[in-house]
């Protein structure tokens, strides 16, 4: 459980860094705004897809007493 949490945290930190670094440092010299819109659309789909995968793999902690 802790390893998967660590991997997801690393993934979301990577997404956050990509969110800041890509548009403000790599797309700064591109005069056309279409590149930014394409980036934000792809980034949003990737973030939503990541959250969907997390929700699909969500499990309760098996060590918790279930009222028995």
Protein backbone atom coordinates (compact mmCIF):
# COMPACT_ATOMS: atom_id res chain seq x y z
CA UNK A 1 0.00 0.00 0.00
CA UNK A 2 2.74 2.46 0.90
CA UNK A 3 4.66 1.77 -2.33
CA UNK A 4 1.64 2.56 -4.49
CA UNK A 5 1.02 5.74 -2.52
CA UNK A 6 4.63 6.75 -3.08
CA UNK A 7 4.36 6.07 -6.83
CA UNK A 8 1.17 8.10 -7.13
CA UNK A 9 2.69 10.98 -5.18
CA UNK A 10 5.72 10.96 -7.47
CA UNK A 11 3.39 10.87 -10.50
CA UNK A 12 1.37 13.87 -9.30
CA UNK A 13 4.48 15.85 -8.40
CA UNK A 14 5.69 15.15 -11.93
CA UNK A 15 2.35 16.36 -13.32
CA UNK A 16 2.61 19.49 -11.20
CA UNK A 17 6.13 20.22 -12.44
CA UNK A 18 4.99 19.64 -16.01
CA UNK A 19 2.07 21.96 -15.36
CA UNK A 20 4.41 24.80 -14.37
CA UNK A 21 7.54 24.24 -16.44
CA UNK A 22 6.13 23.35 -19.84
CA UNK A 23 3.86 26.31 -20.61
CA UNK A 24 5.88 29.01 -18.85
CA UNK A 25 9.35 27.97 -20.00
CA UNK A 26 9.03 25.92 -23.18
CA UNK A 27 6.04 27.59 -24.85
CA UNK A 28 7.10 31.15 -24.03
CA UNK A 29 8.57 31.83 -27.49
CA UNK A 30 5.64 30.45 -29.48
CA UNK A 31 3.39 33.32 -30.60
CA UNK A 32 0.47 31.05 -31.49
CA UNK A 33 -1.81 30.27 -28.55
CA UNK A 34 -2.94 26.95 -30.08
CA UNK A 35 0.11 25.21 -28.57
CA UNK A 36 -0.96 26.25 -25.09
CA UNK A 37 -4.53 25.09 -25.63
CA UNK A 38 -3.29 21.73 -26.91
CA UNK A 39 -1.01 21.36 -23.89
CA UNK A 40 -3.74 22.22 -21.39
CA UNK A 41 -6.20 19.87 -23.07
CA UNK A 42 -3.72 16.96 -23.03
CA UNK A 43 -2.64 17.74 -19.48
CA UNK A 44 -6.25 17.85 -18.25
CA UNK A 45 -7.08 14.52 -19.92
CA UNK A 46 -3.95 12.96 -18.40
CA UNK A 47 -4.82 14.24 -14.92
CA UNK A 48 -8.44 13.07 -15.17
CA UNK A 49 -7.30 9.69 -16.50
CA UNK A 50 -4.86 9.34 -13.60
CA UNK A 51 -7.57 10.08 -11.08
CA UNK A 52 -9.91 7.60 -12.78
CA UNK A 53 -7.26 4.87 -12.50
CA UNK A 54 -6.75 5.68 -8.82
CA UNK A 55 -10.50 5.44 -8.20
CA UNK A 56 -10.68 2.09 -10.00
CA UNK A 57 -7.87 0.67 -7.87
CA UNK A 58 -9.15 2.13 -4.61
CA UNK A 59 -9.40 -0.41 -1.82
CA UNK A 60 -10.17 -0.13 1.84
CA UNK A 61 -7.44 -1.07 4.27
CA UNK A 62 -7.87 -4.81 5.03
CA UNK A 63 -6.46 -4.38 8.54
CA UNK A 64 -9.40 -2.23 9.64
CA UNK A 65 -11.96 -4.10 11.76
CA UNK A 66 -15.26 -4.18 9.85
CA UNK A 67 -17.53 -4.15 12.86
CA UNK A 68 -17.25 -7.80 13.70
